[in-house]
C-alpha cells in the first residue's frame, strides 16, 4: 500500500511538473504594424511580405470615399 501511494505521488509530481514549464521567447511572434491608405500601396506592401490585418472604409469631410489598410509582418 505504501509503495502504491509513493508511486502515485511520484507519477503525479512528474506529470504536473511537466505541465508547468515556462514558454520560450521564440514561441511568441512579435509583430510590427503599418498603415496603407490605398489599395496600390497595400498591394506593394503585400509583395514585400506584409499581411492585411485590418481594413476600414469611410467618407472624408468632402464626401470622398477613403480606405485604410492595417498591415502587419513579423518583426525582423
C-alpha atoms as a PDB file:
ATOM      1  CA  UNK A   1       0.000   0.000   0.000  1.00  0.00           C
ATOM      2  CA  UNK A   2       2.798   2.440   0.886  1.00  0.00           C
ATOM      3  CA  UNK A   3       4.544   1.519  -2.379  1.00  0.00           C
ATOM      4  CA  UNK A   4       1.400   2.359  -4.390  1.00  0.00           C
ATOM      5  CA  UNK A   5       0.942   5.716  -2.668  1.00  0.00           C
ATOM      6  CA  UNK A   6       4.605   6.591  -3.219  1.00  0.00           C
ATOM      7  CA  UNK A   7       4.373   5.580  -6.892  1.00  0.00           C
ATOM      8  CA  UNK A   8       1.201   7.626  -7.435  1.00  0.00           C
ATOM      9  CA  UNK A   9       2.776  10.635  -5.715  1.00  0.00           C
ATOM     10  CA  UNK A  10       5.889  10.404  -7.902  1.00  0.00           C
ATOM     11  CA  UNK A  11       3.848   9.991 -11.092  1.00  0.00           C
ATOM     12  CA  UNK A  12       1.629  12.991 -10.258  1.00  0.00           C
ATOM     13  CA  UNK A  13       4.636  15.145  -9.410  1.00  0.00           C
ATOM     14  CA  UNK A  14       6.275  14.383 -12.746  1.00  0.00           C
ATOM     15  CA  UNK A  15       3.005  14.841 -14.671  1.00  0.00           C
ATOM     16  CA  UNK A  16       2.102  18.170 -13.066  1.00  0.00           C
ATOM     17  CA  UNK A  17       5.659  19.450 -13.167  1.00  0.00           C
ATOM     18  CA  UNK A  18       5.852  18.895 -16.916  1.00  0.00           C
ATOM     19  CA  UNK A  19       2.725  20.968 -17.490  1.00  0.00           C
ATOM     20  CA  UNK A  20       4.107  23.989 -15.648  1.00  0.00           C
ATOM     21  CA  UNK A  21       7.111  24.720 -17.840  1.00  0.00           C
ATOM     22  CA  UNK A  22       7.645  28.293 -18.973  1.00  0.00           C
ATOM     23  CA  UNK A  23       7.233  29.279 -22.600  1.00  0.00           C
ATOM     24  CA  UNK A  24      10.313  30.119 -24.598  1.00  0.00           C
ATOM     25  CA  UNK A  25      10.687  33.603 -26.043  1.00  0.00           C
ATOM     26  CA  UNK A  26      10.782  32.337 -29.632  1.00  0.00           C
ATOM     27  CA  UNK A  27       7.365  30.692 -29.238  1.00  0.00           C
ATOM     28  CA  UNK A  28       5.588  34.069 -29.487  1.00  0.00           C
ATOM     29  CA  UNK A  29       5.683  36.146 -32.642  1.00  0.00           C
ATOM     30  CA  UNK A  30       6.189  39.878 -32.249  1.00  0.00           C
ATOM     31  CA  UNK A  31       4.542  41.962 -34.965  1.00  0.00           C
ATOM     32  CA  UNK A  32       5.152  45.379 -36.457  1.00  0.00           C
ATOM     33  CA  UNK A  33       2.247  47.346 -37.929  1.00  0.00           C
ATOM     34  CA  UNK A  34       1.928  49.973 -40.628  1.00  0.00           C
ATOM     35  CA  UNK A  35      -0.955  51.787 -42.331  1.00  0.00           C
ATOM     36  CA  UNK A  36      -1.644  51.912 -46.071  1.00  0.00           C
ATOM     37  CA  UNK A  37      -4.109  54.493 -47.394  1.00  0.00           C
ATOM     38  CA  UNK A  38      -4.963  52.944 -50.762  1.00  0.00           C
ATOM     39  CA  UNK A  39      -5.056  49.576 -52.485  1.00  0.00           C
ATOM     40  CA  UNK A  40      -1.968  50.254 -54.629  1.00  0.00           C
ATOM     41  CA  UNK A  41       0.135  50.931 -51.526  1.00  0.00           C
ATOM     42  CA  UNK A  42      -1.361  47.888 -49.761  1.00  0.00           C
ATOM     43  CA  UNK A  43      -0.585  45.627 -52.741  1.00  0.00           C
ATOM     44  CA  UNK A  44       3.019  46.869 -52.843  1.00  0.00           C
ATOM     45  CA  UNK A  45       3.373  46.058 -49.158  1.00  0.00           C
ATOM     46  CA  UNK A  46       1.885  42.574 -49.679  1.00  0.00           C
ATOM     47  CA  UNK A  47       4.561  41.969 -52.330  1.00  0.00           C
ATOM     48  CA  UNK A  48       7.164  42.809 -49.649  1.00  0.00           C
ATOM     49  CA  UNK A  49       5.747  40.267 -47.182  1.00  0.00           C
ATOM     50  CA  UNK A  50       3.164  42.300 -45.254  1.00  0.00           C
ATOM     51  CA  UNK A  51      -0.227  40.794 -44.322  1.00  0.00           C
ATOM     52  CA  UNK A  52      -3.530  42.704 -44.252  1.00  0.00           C
ATOM     53  CA  UNK A  53      -4.606  42.710 -40.589  1.00  0.00           C
ATOM     54  CA  UNK A  54      -7.499  45.141 -40.850  1.00  0.00           C
ATOM     55  CA  UNK A  55      -9.486  47.277 -43.264  1.00  0.00           C
ATOM     56  CA  UNK A  56     -11.845  50.224 -42.868  1.00  0.00           C
ATOM     57  CA  UNK A  57     -13.740  52.345 -45.343  1.00  0.00           C
ATOM     58  CA  UNK A  58     -15.137  55.785 -44.575  1.00  0.00           C
ATOM     59  CA  UNK A  59     -16.195  59.047 -46.209  1.00  0.00           C
ATOM     60  CA  UNK A  60     -13.967  62.057 -45.611  1.00  0.00           C
ATOM     61  CA  UNK A  61     -15.071  65.642 -44.857  1.00  0.00           C
ATOM     62  CA  UNK A  62     -15.763  66.491 -48.510  1.00  0.00           C
ATOM     63  CA  UNK A  63     -17.694  63.297 -49.223  1.00  0.00           C
ATOM     64  CA  UNK A  64     -14.948  61.264 -50.932  1.00  0.00           C
ATOM     65  CA  UNK A  65     -14.724  57.557 -50.070  1.00  0.00           C
ATOM     66  CA  UNK A  66     -11.462  56.627 -48.344  1.00  0.00           C
ATOM     67  CA  UNK A  67      -9.915  53.376 -47.155  1.00  0.00           C
ATOM     68  CA  UNK A  68      -7.324  52.442 -44.559  1.00  0.00           C
ATOM     69  CA  UNK A  69      -5.447  49.148 -44.535  1.00  0.00           C
ATOM     70  CA  UNK A  70      -3.703  47.992 -41.386  1.00  0.00           C
ATOM     71  CA  UNK A  71      -0.756  45.837 -42.401  1.00  0.00           C
ATOM     72  CA  UNK A  72       1.409  43.591 -40.221  1.00  0.00           C
ATOM     73  CA  UNK A  73       4.510  41.426 -40.513  1.00  0.00           C
ATOM     74  CA  UNK A  74       6.747  39.586 -38.066  1.00  0.00           C
ATOM     75  CA  UNK A  75       9.468  41.795 -36.617  1.00  0.00           C
ATOM     76  CA  UNK A  76      12.824  41.162 -38.189  1.00  0.00           C
END
